[in-house]
Amino acid sequence: MELGFVSAATLLQVLGAVPLDGRPVRFGMPVPAAIVRRGLGLDGPGVLQWRRLPIGGADPDPVWIEVALLGPPGRVRLLPGDLGPCADGRGPAFVHERTQQVGVDGPSSLERWRWADGTVDERRRERVDLGAVIAGERYLPGEWRCTQSGLGQRARVVVDLPGFGERVGLLPARGAGAVPRRVRRQLEAAAAALPELPGARGAGDYGRSGGVVTNLEFDTTLALAKAALGLGDADCWQRACRAARHLLDHDLDEHLGLPFPHGPEHRTGEPEVGHAWLQGLLWVGLLTADDDCIGAARSIGRAIAASPPRGTGSNERLREHAWPLLELEALLRHDPDPGLRRVADAYAASIVRRFDPVLTTFRFGEGEVGDGVYLERAWLTCGLLLPALTAHLQRCPDAALAAKVAAVQAAFADRLGRGGPGLPTHWRVAGGEPFAEHREVGSASAAAMLDGLTRNDQRRLLSRLLVQRAVLDTPPLDDADLATSFTLLARCDWVWR
């Protein structure tokens, strides 16, 4: 559902009654521009304070706003009214104070939200410029040490509002599919079993086999946020918030503006556009009304736009074209920046040039294995490239590109519906004929391929017993790379339909 076409009355009716338990509530939501121009009101005992969030450009519709509520236990409703925004953070619900300074050890900031009922929320951040051992943990130069109190529960209400994830656009409209329901139950169990790393420095991140720190590979923050609102899971919501803060404080390279990739430590490896994700950080920022997270997501978007793919020839990788396109399109949905639009359009055009009508796919150098043989990495083409192009088409309709995408979707749907147990994730092609097919059961990367197909093909394939057996009980709870597998699957829209 495009929020820009939702009437003011509809959106506020969907939000419905906001439950209060006597403690302060602060969260983000999109509101039609017509209401923002008029103002908001509160039906029920308590006080309301709101402001526009720093995203959307000069004239967005809808407008993302921060909503702060303070009142006795019960329910209140947000309505159109005559209460204007509190841009300076000094209103009837709370007073926001922020101080910044530069000391010998690096810059620091202190934020306080002083609520009218006497509650005080606080966040203190200090950058480690020279590296240090703090409470037994070694911080590397460029990391931030963050301590906060009271903030974790303020936006929890978004988990409890029925249909909120669908209405704000984080989740697709919920359907009635039995297979997605079973997969969601498995994801709920997997989320509870995720191995969060120890210590203040590890909080919000996860490990995988071989002692690798995932650095939120494939955007674990996004997966957790979807699971939180899709399952109504408060623990997943807190994990998503910790993951967003972890990325902001520990995983960003201040020089390139991109996250460090997975490795034996948080800040090893060389950042690259094929391992850069901003969606989870952005959604947590929007839903918690966290300006720092929103700003960091926008900054990552600019860094992606400024960091072109590096591979050529046999080193030309699909993921260095598709991930940037997908992430930029996600940011452009909320923040229509002309410079980012041009880069996203260039990525889409670059991908289109790789269309092969004989193989009905988009060919990249990494798949050219010699002697006229092409290695189709189907889990990337179908699970990543097609969703990226679909997102681009939603912003920039193009009949010629849509026809190519539809042709590849149909070819992959046909391929996934053939054969024996499992789903084919890789195969080789020579002379137009596929061979050496590799099939997987219980694999998140295999199940993620369904996200690139049309809704009709998803339903058709999921009605087949062999496909059901391939995706049910995914990911297995004893998966050595559970965090990565959970992330790959939980970020898929088809799971939440």
Protein backbone atom coordinates (compact mmCIF):
# COMPACT_ATOMS: atom_id res chain seq x y z
CA MET A 1 0.00 0.00 0.00
CA GLU A 2 1.40 3.38 -0.98
CA LEU A 3 1.11 5.57 2.08
CA GLY A 4 1.02 8.70 -0.03
CA PHE A 5 -2.52 7.80 -1.11
CA VAL A 6 -3.90 6.92 2.32
CA SER A 7 -6.44 9.41 3.60
CA ALA A 8 -5.87 11.13 6.91
CA ALA A 9 -8.94 9.50 8.43
CA THR A 10 -7.85 6.03 7.29
CA LEU A 11 -4.34 6.23 8.68
CA LEU A 12 -5.45 7.54 12.05
CA GLN A 13 -8.22 4.97 12.22
CA VAL A 14 -5.69 2.22 11.49
CA LEU A 15 -3.43 3.50 14.25
CA GLY A 16 -6.45 3.27 16.52
CA ALA A 17 -6.14 3.38 20.25
CA VAL A 18 -2.63 3.63 21.65
CA PRO A 19 -2.29 1.69 24.91
CA LEU A 20 -0.59 3.49 27.79
CA ASP A 21 0.66 1.79 30.95
CA GLY A 22 1.45 4.96 32.86
CA ARG A 23 4.99 5.24 31.50
CA PRO A 24 6.11 7.62 28.74
CA VAL A 25 5.67 6.51 25.12
CA ARG A 26 7.70 7.85 22.19
CA PHE A 27 7.64 6.41 18.68
CA GLY A 28 7.57 7.35 15.00
CA MET A 29 4.78 7.06 12.44
CA PRO A 30 3.87 8.44 8.99
CA VAL A 31 1.02 10.94 8.83
CA PRO A 32 -0.56 12.49 5.72
CA ALA A 33 0.81 15.94 4.97
CA ALA A 34 -2.67 17.46 5.24
CA ILE A 35 -2.84 16.50 8.92
CA VAL A 36 0.67 17.76 9.59
CA ARG A 37 -0.27 21.14 8.13
CA ARG A 38 -3.38 21.26 10.31
CA GLY A 39 -2.08 19.69 13.53
CA LEU A 40 -2.76 16.75 15.81
CA GLY A 41 -4.98 16.19 18.80
CA LEU A 42 -5.42 13.62 21.56
CA ASP A 43 -8.64 11.90 22.54
CA GLY A 44 -8.19 10.73 26.12
CA PRO A 45 -6.43 11.78 29.31
CA GLY A 46 -2.80 12.74 28.90
CA VAL A 47 -0.54 15.02 26.90
CA LEU A 48 0.74 14.83 23.33
CA GLN A 49 3.92 16.24 21.84
CA TRP A 50 5.04 15.75 18.24
CA ARG A 51 7.57 16.93 15.67
CA ARG A 52 8.60 16.11 12.15
CA LEU A 53 11.48 13.64 11.75
CA PRO A 54 14.52 14.68 9.66
CA ILE A 55 13.70 12.77 6.49
CA GLY A 56 11.57 13.19 3.40
CA GLY A 57 12.80 16.35 1.74
CA ALA A 58 10.96 19.65 1.53
CA ASP A 59 7.43 18.47 0.71
CA PRO A 60 6.88 14.80 1.66
CA ASP A 61 3.54 13.05 1.83
CA PRO A 62 3.19 11.23 4.14
CA VAL A 63 5.36 12.92 6.75
CA TRP A 64 7.21 10.86 9.34
CA ILE A 65 6.73 12.35 12.80
CA GLU A 66 7.76 11.65 16.37
CA VAL A 67 4.79 11.06 18.71
CA ALA A 68 5.33 11.43 22.46
CA LEU A 69 2.53 10.53 24.87
CA LEU A 70 2.30 10.77 28.62
CA GLY A 71 -0.77 9.77 30.57
CA PRO A 72 -2.37 7.37 33.05
CA PRO A 73 -2.94 3.68 32.19
CA GLY A 74 -5.59 3.32 29.52
CA ARG A 75 -6.04 4.04 25.83
CA VAL A 76 -5.88 7.27 23.90
CA ARG A 77 -6.45 8.08 20.24
CA LEU A 78 -4.49 10.34 17.94
CA LEU A 79 -6.77 12.59 15.92
CA PRO A 80 -6.54 15.62 13.67
CA GLY A 81 -6.43 18.69 15.88
CA ASP A 82 -4.90 22.08 16.35
CA LEU A 83 -1.75 21.13 18.28
CA GLY A 84 1.28 22.18 16.24
CA PRO A 85 4.75 20.59 16.18
CA CYS A 86 7.30 21.03 18.93
CA ALA A 87 10.39 21.47 16.78
CA ASP A 88 12.72 22.55 19.57
CA GLY A 89 12.03 19.50 21.76
CA ARG A 90 10.69 21.54 24.65
CA GLY A 91 7.03 20.67 24.99
CA PRO A 92 4.31 19.50 27.37
CA ALA A 93 5.43 15.83 27.41
CA PHE A 94 9.21 16.20 27.67
CA VAL A 95 12.15 18.53 27.25
CA HIS A 96 14.96 17.24 25.08
CA GLU A 97 18.50 18.43 25.79
CA ARG A 98 21.63 17.57 23.83
CA THR A 99 25.17 18.66 24.57
CA GLN A 100 28.29 17.88 22.57
CA GLN A 101 31.92 18.43 23.36
CA VAL A 102 35.38 17.47 22.17
CA GLY A 103 37.77 16.20 24.81
CA VAL A 104 41.28 14.75 24.92
CA ASP A 105 40.00 11.24 24.19
CA GLY A 106 37.61 12.27 21.40
CA PRO A 107 34.15 13.80 20.90
CA SER A 108 31.21 12.92 23.10
CA SER A 109 27.51 13.69 23.32
CA LEU A 110 24.90 13.54 26.05
CA GLU A 111 21.16 13.47 25.40
CA ARG A 112 18.44 13.72 28.02
CA TRP A 113 14.67 13.52 27.74
CA ARG A 114 13.15 15.05 30.87
CA TRP A 115 9.53 13.92 30.98
CA ALA A 116 6.82 15.92 32.70
CA ASP A 117 6.16 13.08 35.17
CA GLY A 118 9.78 13.20 36.41
CA THR A 119 11.11 10.35 34.28
CA VAL A 120 14.54 10.98 32.77
CA ASP A 121 15.89 9.07 29.76
CA GLU A 122 19.56 9.43 28.90
CA ARG A 123 22.04 8.44 26.20
CA ARG A 124 25.78 9.12 26.47
CA ARG A 125 28.16 8.46 23.54
CA GLU A 126 31.94 8.79 23.54
CA ARG A 127 34.12 8.13 20.50
CA VAL A 128 37.29 6.13 21.04
CA ASP A 129 39.85 7.87 18.84
CA LEU A 130 43.02 6.06 19.94
CA GLY A 131 41.70 2.67 20.99
CA ALA A 132 41.24 1.60 24.57
CA VAL A 133 40.40 -1.28 26.88
CA ILE A 134 37.17 -0.46 28.70
CA ALA A 135 35.62 -2.87 31.21
CA GLY A 136 37.81 -5.63 29.80
CA GLU A 137 36.79 -5.05 26.16
CA ARG A 138 39.15 -3.65 23.53
CA TYR A 139 37.66 -0.79 21.51
CA LEU A 140 39.33 0.11 18.23
CA PRO A 141 39.83 3.64 16.89
CA GLY A 142 36.63 5.03 15.41
CA GLU A 143 34.23 3.08 17.64
CA TRP A 144 31.76 4.72 19.98
CA ARG A 145 31.03 3.67 23.53
CA CYS A 146 27.34 4.16 24.22
CA THR A 147 25.43 3.87 27.47
CA GLN A 148 21.76 4.62 27.78
CA SER A 149 18.89 4.19 30.18
CA GLY A 150 15.14 4.25 29.79
CA LEU A 151 15.06 4.48 25.99
CA GLY A 152 14.62 0.80 25.15
CA GLN A 153 10.94 0.54 26.09
CA ARG A 154 9.62 3.87 24.84
CA ALA A 155 8.71 2.68 21.33
CA ARG A 156 7.66 -0.84 22.31
CA VAL A 157 4.06 0.16 21.60
CA VAL A 158 4.68 -0.32 17.84
CA VAL A 159 4.81 -4.07 18.48
CA ASP A 160 1.37 -4.00 20.13
CA LEU A 161 -0.51 -1.92 17.56
CA PRO A 162 -2.44 -4.34 15.28
CA GLY A 163 -1.40 -4.13 11.65
CA PHE A 164 1.06 -1.30 12.29
CA GLY A 165 3.91 -2.97 10.38
CA GLU A 166 1.73 -3.39 7.30
CA ARG A 167 0.33 0.13 7.42
CA VAL A 168 3.68 1.88 7.68
CA GLY A 169 5.14 -0.26 4.89
CA LEU A 170 7.62 -2.40 6.81
CA LEU A 171 5.57 -5.55 6.17
CA PRO A 172 3.41 -6.61 3.22
CA ALA A 173 -0.35 -7.05 3.57
CA ARG A 174 -1.04 -10.24 5.51
CA GLY A 175 -2.57 -13.14 3.58
CA ALA A 176 -3.95 -16.49 4.63
CA GLY A 177 -1.18 -18.84 3.52
CA ALA A 178 -0.64 -21.88 5.73
CA VAL A 179 3.00 -22.35 4.70
CA PRO A 180 4.08 -18.78 5.59
CA ARG A 181 2.38 -19.21 8.98
CA ARG A 182 4.44 -22.32 9.68
CA VAL A 183 7.63 -20.63 8.52
CA ARG A 184 6.87 -17.71 10.84
CA ARG A 185 6.59 -20.11 13.79
CA GLN A 186 10.00 -21.52 12.92
CA LEU A 187 11.46 -18.02 12.67
CA GLU A 188 10.02 -17.19 16.09
CA ALA A 189 11.86 -20.17 17.56
CA ALA A 190 15.03 -19.26 15.67
CA ALA A 191 14.93 -15.67 16.92
CA ALA A 192 14.80 -16.88 20.51
CA ALA A 193 17.85 -19.06 19.86
CA LEU A 194 20.03 -16.43 18.15
CA PRO A 195 23.52 -16.31 19.72
CA GLU A 196 23.96 -12.62 20.57
CA LEU A 197 27.59 -11.77 21.20
CA PRO A 198 28.68 -11.08 24.79
CA GLY A 199 29.64 -7.81 26.43
CA ALA A 200 28.70 -4.21 25.82
CA ARG A 201 30.68 -4.21 22.58
CA GLY A 202 29.07 -7.38 21.26
CA ALA A 203 25.49 -6.52 22.18
CA GLY A 204 23.31 -6.29 19.08
CA ASP A 205 25.56 -8.44 16.90
CA TYR A 206 25.74 -12.18 16.29
CA GLY A 207 28.28 -14.87 15.54
CA ARG A 208 28.40 -17.73 13.08
CA SER A 209 30.52 -20.82 12.55
CA GLY A 210 34.29 -20.54 12.50
CA GLY A 211 34.39 -17.75 15.05
CA VAL A 212 33.12 -15.21 12.52
CA VAL A 213 31.42 -12.01 13.69
CA THR A 214 28.53 -11.50 11.28
CA ASN A 215 28.44 -7.69 11.50
CA LEU A 216 24.69 -8.03 10.95
CA GLU A 217 25.23 -9.76 7.61
CA PHE A 218 22.31 -9.37 5.16
CA ASP A 219 20.77 -6.81 7.58
CA THR A 220 19.89 -8.67 10.75
CA THR A 221 18.44 -5.41 12.06
CA LEU A 222 15.82 -5.44 9.30
CA ALA A 223 15.04 -9.12 9.88
CA LEU A 224 14.54 -8.55 13.60
CA ALA A 225 12.36 -5.49 13.03
CA LYS A 226 10.13 -7.43 10.64
CA ALA A 227 9.94 -10.34 13.06
CA ALA A 228 9.11 -8.02 15.94
CA LEU A 229 6.12 -6.43 14.23
CA GLY A 230 5.14 -9.52 12.27
CA LEU A 231 5.10 -11.75 15.36
CA GLY A 232 4.24 -9.15 17.99
CA ASP A 233 7.51 -10.12 19.67
CA ALA A 234 8.83 -7.57 22.16
CA ASP A 235 12.16 -9.39 22.57
CA CYS A 236 12.79 -9.22 18.79
CA TRP A 237 12.03 -5.52 18.97
CA GLN A 238 14.64 -4.94 21.66
CA ARG A 239 17.13 -7.02 19.66
CA ALA A 240 16.42 -4.90 16.57
CA CYS A 241 17.05 -1.73 18.56
CA ARG A 242 20.32 -3.10 19.94
CA ALA A 243 21.38 -4.19 16.45
CA ALA A 244 20.76 -0.70 15.07
CA ARG A 245 22.80 0.90 17.83
CA HIS A 246 25.57 -1.68 17.34
CA LEU A 247 25.88 -0.81 13.66
CA LEU A 248 25.92 2.88 14.49
CA ASP A 249 28.48 2.58 17.29
CA HIS A 250 30.83 -0.22 16.21
CA ASP A 251 30.55 -1.28 12.57
CA LEU A 252 30.84 1.91 10.50
CA ASP A 253 34.07 2.91 8.78
CA GLU A 254 34.25 6.66 9.31
CA HIS A 255 36.37 7.12 6.17
CA LEU A 256 34.21 5.35 3.57
CA GLY A 257 30.93 5.63 5.50
CA LEU A 258 30.17 1.94 4.85
CA PRO A 259 29.92 -0.90 7.39
CA PHE A 260 32.78 -3.30 7.84
CA PRO A 261 31.94 -6.78 6.46
CA HIS A 262 31.81 -9.95 8.54
CA GLY A 263 35.09 -11.36 9.77
CA PRO A 264 36.97 -12.52 12.87
CA GLU A 265 36.35 -9.12 14.49
CA HIS A 266 33.91 -6.24 14.22
CA ARG A 267 36.24 -3.99 12.27
CA THR A 268 38.20 -6.30 9.99
CA GLY A 269 37.88 -6.65 6.25
CA GLU A 270 37.43 -3.89 3.70
CA PRO A 271 34.02 -2.18 3.43
CA GLU A 272 32.31 -2.56 0.05
CA VAL A 273 28.93 -1.79 -1.50
CA GLY A 274 28.12 -5.49 -1.83
CA HIS A 275 28.06 -5.77 1.99
CA ALA A 276 26.29 -2.55 2.96
CA TRP A 277 22.75 -2.46 4.34
CA LEU A 278 20.78 0.50 5.64
CA GLN A 279 17.14 -0.60 5.73
CA GLY A 280 17.09 -2.00 9.26
CA LEU A 281 18.88 1.02 10.65
CA LEU A 282 16.44 3.30 8.86
CA TRP A 283 13.32 1.47 10.06
CA VAL A 284 14.48 1.40 13.67
CA GLY A 285 15.29 5.10 13.39
CA LEU A 286 11.87 5.90 11.97
CA LEU A 287 9.90 3.78 14.43
CA THR A 288 11.84 4.92 17.50
CA ALA A 289 12.11 8.54 16.31
CA ASP A 290 15.90 8.33 16.60
CA ASP A 291 17.50 11.12 14.59
CA ASP A 292 20.96 9.56 14.83
CA CYS A 293 19.84 6.27 13.28
CA ILE A 294 17.95 8.09 10.53
CA GLY A 295 20.95 10.29 9.82
CA ALA A 296 23.30 7.31 9.75
CA ALA A 297 21.06 5.43 7.32
CA ARG A 298 20.98 8.44 5.02
CA SER A 299 24.76 8.73 5.34
CA ILE A 300 25.21 5.07 4.38
CA GLY A 301 23.03 5.73 1.36
CA ARG A 302 25.30 8.57 0.29
CA ALA A 303 28.35 6.35 0.86
CA ILE A 304 26.82 3.60 -1.27
CA ALA A 305 26.17 6.15 -4.02
CA ALA A 306 29.79 7.32 -3.83
CA SER A 307 31.32 3.81 -3.91
CA PRO A 308 30.95 2.18 -7.33
CA PRO A 309 31.37 -1.58 -7.84
CA ARG A 310 34.99 -2.57 -8.14
CA GLY A 311 34.92 -5.93 -9.91
CA THR A 312 35.50 -6.31 -13.64
CA GLY A 313 35.68 -9.31 -15.91
CA SER A 314 35.47 -12.56 -13.98
CA ASN A 315 35.44 -10.55 -10.73
CA GLU A 316 32.27 -8.68 -11.66
CA ARG A 317 29.81 -9.65 -8.92
CA LEU A 318 26.05 -9.53 -8.99
CA ARG A 319 25.81 -8.53 -5.34
CA GLU A 320 27.87 -5.37 -5.95
CA HIS A 321 25.14 -4.16 -8.30
CA ALA A 322 21.98 -5.59 -6.75
CA TRP A 323 22.52 -4.78 -3.06
CA PRO A 324 23.27 -1.10 -3.74
CA LEU A 325 20.20 -0.82 -5.97
CA LEU A 326 17.94 -2.48 -3.38
CA GLU A 327 19.22 -0.34 -0.51
CA LEU A 328 19.07 2.91 -2.46
CA GLU A 329 15.51 2.20 -3.60
CA ALA A 330 14.51 1.49 0.01
CA LEU A 331 15.95 4.82 1.11
CA LEU A 332 14.36 6.68 -1.80
CA ARG A 333 10.93 5.51 -0.70
CA HIS A 334 11.32 7.77 2.32
CA ASP A 335 13.91 10.30 1.20
CA PRO A 336 13.66 11.29 -2.48
CA ASP A 337 17.14 12.68 -3.02
CA PRO A 338 17.91 13.57 -6.68
CA GLY A 339 21.54 12.48 -6.42
CA LEU A 340 20.60 9.08 -5.04
CA ARG A 341 17.95 8.71 -7.75
CA ARG A 342 20.55 9.21 -10.46
CA VAL A 343 22.84 6.57 -8.94
CA ALA A 344 20.00 4.08 -8.50
CA ASP A 345 18.92 4.64 -12.09
CA ALA A 346 22.50 4.02 -13.25
CA TYR A 347 22.65 0.75 -11.30
CA ALA A 348 19.39 -0.40 -12.86
CA ALA A 349 20.60 0.50 -16.34
CA SER A 350 23.85 -1.37 -15.73
CA ILE A 351 21.94 -4.48 -14.70
CA VAL A 352 19.59 -4.28 -17.67
CA ARG A 353 22.54 -4.28 -20.07
CA ARG A 354 23.41 -7.72 -18.73
CA PHE A 355 20.12 -9.29 -19.77
CA ASP A 356 20.57 -12.46 -21.84
CA PRO A 357 17.38 -13.42 -23.73
CA VAL A 358 18.72 -16.89 -24.54
CA LEU A 359 19.46 -17.87 -20.93
CA THR A 360 16.66 -15.61 -19.65
CA THR A 361 18.80 -14.17 -16.90
CA PHE A 362 21.10 -11.27 -16.13
CA ARG A 363 24.70 -12.38 -16.71
CA PHE A 364 27.64 -11.24 -14.58
CA GLY A 365 31.33 -11.92 -15.03
CA GLU A 366 31.56 -14.11 -11.93
CA GLY A 367 29.31 -16.66 -13.66
CA GLU A 368 31.47 -17.03 -16.78
CA VAL A 369 33.42 -20.19 -15.99
CA GLY A 370 34.87 -20.80 -19.48
CA ASP A 371 34.21 -23.01 -22.51
CA GLY A 372 30.86 -21.35 -23.06
CA VAL A 373 29.55 -22.42 -19.64
CA TYR A 374 27.67 -20.03 -17.38
CA LEU A 375 27.19 -20.69 -13.66
CA GLU A 376 23.77 -19.41 -12.61
CA ARG A 377 23.75 -18.38 -8.98
CA ALA A 378 20.00 -18.63 -8.82
CA TRP A 379 19.67 -17.80 -5.15
CA LEU A 380 21.24 -14.39 -5.85
CA THR A 381 19.49 -13.71 -9.15
CA CYS A 382 16.06 -14.68 -7.85
CA GLY A 383 16.43 -13.80 -4.17
CA LEU A 384 18.26 -10.49 -4.56
CA LEU A 385 18.46 -9.14 -8.10
CA LEU A 386 14.78 -9.55 -8.99
CA PRO A 387 13.56 -7.87 -5.76
CA ALA A 388 15.97 -5.00 -6.43
CA LEU A 389 14.68 -4.50 -9.97
CA THR A 390 11.08 -4.83 -8.76
CA ALA A 391 11.70 -2.08 -6.21
CA HIS A 392 13.20 0.07 -8.95
CA LEU A 393 10.17 -0.47 -11.18
CA GLN A 394 7.86 0.66 -8.38
CA ARG A 395 9.63 4.03 -8.43
CA CYS A 396 10.40 4.16 -12.16
CA PRO A 397 7.90 2.21 -14.27
CA ASP A 398 9.48 1.05 -17.52
CA ALA A 399 7.70 -1.32 -19.88
CA ALA A 400 10.86 -2.74 -21.45
CA LEU A 401 12.51 -3.46 -18.11
CA ALA A 402 9.27 -4.85 -16.69
CA ALA A 403 9.07 -7.29 -19.59
CA LYS A 404 12.61 -8.52 -18.95
CA VAL A 405 11.94 -8.93 -15.23
CA ALA A 406 8.71 -10.80 -15.96
CA ALA A 407 10.53 -13.12 -18.35
CA VAL A 408 13.21 -13.96 -15.78
CA GLN A 409 10.59 -14.42 -13.05
CA ALA A 410 8.65 -16.85 -15.23
CA ALA A 411 11.78 -18.80 -16.18
CA PHE A 412 12.89 -19.12 -12.56
CA ALA A 413 9.41 -20.04 -11.34
CA ASP A 414 9.34 -22.81 -13.93
CA ARG A 415 12.79 -24.00 -12.88
CA LEU A 416 11.95 -23.97 -9.17
CA GLY A 417 8.81 -26.00 -9.82
CA ARG A 418 10.65 -28.83 -11.57
CA GLY A 419 12.69 -31.77 -10.39
CA GLY A 420 13.00 -33.65 -7.15
CA PRO A 421 13.37 -32.68 -3.51
CA GLY A 422 14.60 -29.24 -2.56
CA LEU A 423 14.98 -26.04 -4.52
CA PRO A 424 17.74 -25.44 -7.08
CA THR A 425 20.12 -22.72 -5.91
CA HIS A 426 22.85 -23.12 -8.58
CA TRP A 427 23.15 -24.69 -12.01
CA ARG A 428 25.35 -24.51 -15.07
CA VAL A 429 24.22 -23.68 -18.58
CA ALA A 430 25.90 -24.51 -21.89
CA GLY A 431 24.28 -24.07 -25.29
CA GLY A 432 21.13 -22.90 -23.56
CA GLU A 433 20.72 -26.20 -21.69
CA PRO A 434 21.03 -26.32 -17.86
CA PHE A 435 22.97 -29.10 -16.13
CA ALA A 436 24.83 -29.83 -12.87
CA GLU A 437 21.95 -28.53 -10.80
CA HIS A 438 22.46 -28.11 -7.02
CA ARG A 439 19.34 -28.42 -4.86
CA GLU A 440 18.87 -27.62 -1.16
CA VAL A 441 16.31 -28.47 1.54
CA GLY A 442 15.94 -26.43 4.72
CA SER A 443 18.19 -23.71 3.30
CA ALA A 444 17.38 -20.07 3.91
CA SER A 445 19.12 -19.01 0.70
CA ALA A 446 16.91 -21.43 -1.23
CA ALA A 447 13.72 -20.26 0.48
CA ALA A 448 14.70 -16.63 -0.10
CA MET A 449 14.46 -17.20 -3.86
CA LEU A 450 10.68 -17.15 -3.60
CA ASP A 451 10.85 -13.44 -2.80
CA GLY A 452 11.85 -12.62 -6.36
CA LEU A 453 8.78 -14.25 -7.90
CA THR A 454 5.29 -12.90 -8.49
CA ARG A 455 2.63 -13.39 -5.82
CA ASN A 456 0.80 -15.88 -8.05
CA ASP A 457 3.93 -17.96 -8.62
CA GLN A 458 4.72 -17.89 -4.91
CA ARG A 459 1.28 -19.25 -4.08
CA ARG A 460 1.46 -21.85 -6.84
CA LEU A 461 4.86 -23.15 -5.78
CA LEU A 462 4.00 -23.16 -2.07
CA SER A 463 1.00 -25.37 -2.83
CA ARG A 464 3.38 -28.13 -3.98
CA LEU A 465 4.44 -30.69 -1.43
CA LEU A 466 8.08 -30.83 -2.56
CA VAL A 467 8.45 -27.07 -2.27
CA GLN A 468 6.77 -27.09 1.15
CA ARG A 469 9.21 -29.70 2.37
CA ALA A 470 12.08 -27.55 1.12
CA VAL A 471 11.08 -24.44 3.09
CA LEU A 472 9.31 -25.71 6.22
CA ASP A 473 11.45 -26.02 9.34
CA THR A 474 13.78 -23.38 7.88
CA PRO A 475 16.15 -22.40 9.31
CA PRO A 476 16.91 -25.49 11.42
CA LEU A 477 17.59 -24.48 15.00
CA ASP A 478 20.93 -26.32 15.00
CA ASP A 479 22.15 -24.31 11.99
CA ALA A 480 25.78 -23.37 12.64
CA ASP A 481 25.11 -20.06 10.89
CA LEU A 482 21.71 -19.45 12.48
CA ALA A 483 21.94 -15.64 12.56
CA THR A 484 22.77 -15.46 8.85
CA SER A 485 20.07 -17.98 7.91
CA PHE A 486 17.47 -16.27 10.10
CA THR A 487 18.31 -12.94 8.52
CA LEU A 488 18.08 -14.18 4.94
CA LEU A 489 14.63 -15.65 5.49
CA ALA A 490 13.09 -13.15 7.93
CA ARG A 491 13.79 -10.23 5.62
CA CYS A 492 11.69 -11.86 2.86
CA ASP A 493 8.24 -10.40 2.23
CA TRP A 494 6.66 -13.72 1.23
CA VAL A 495 7.17 -15.02 4.78
CA TRP A 496 5.02 -12.23 6.25
CA ARG A 497 2.15 -12.52 3.76
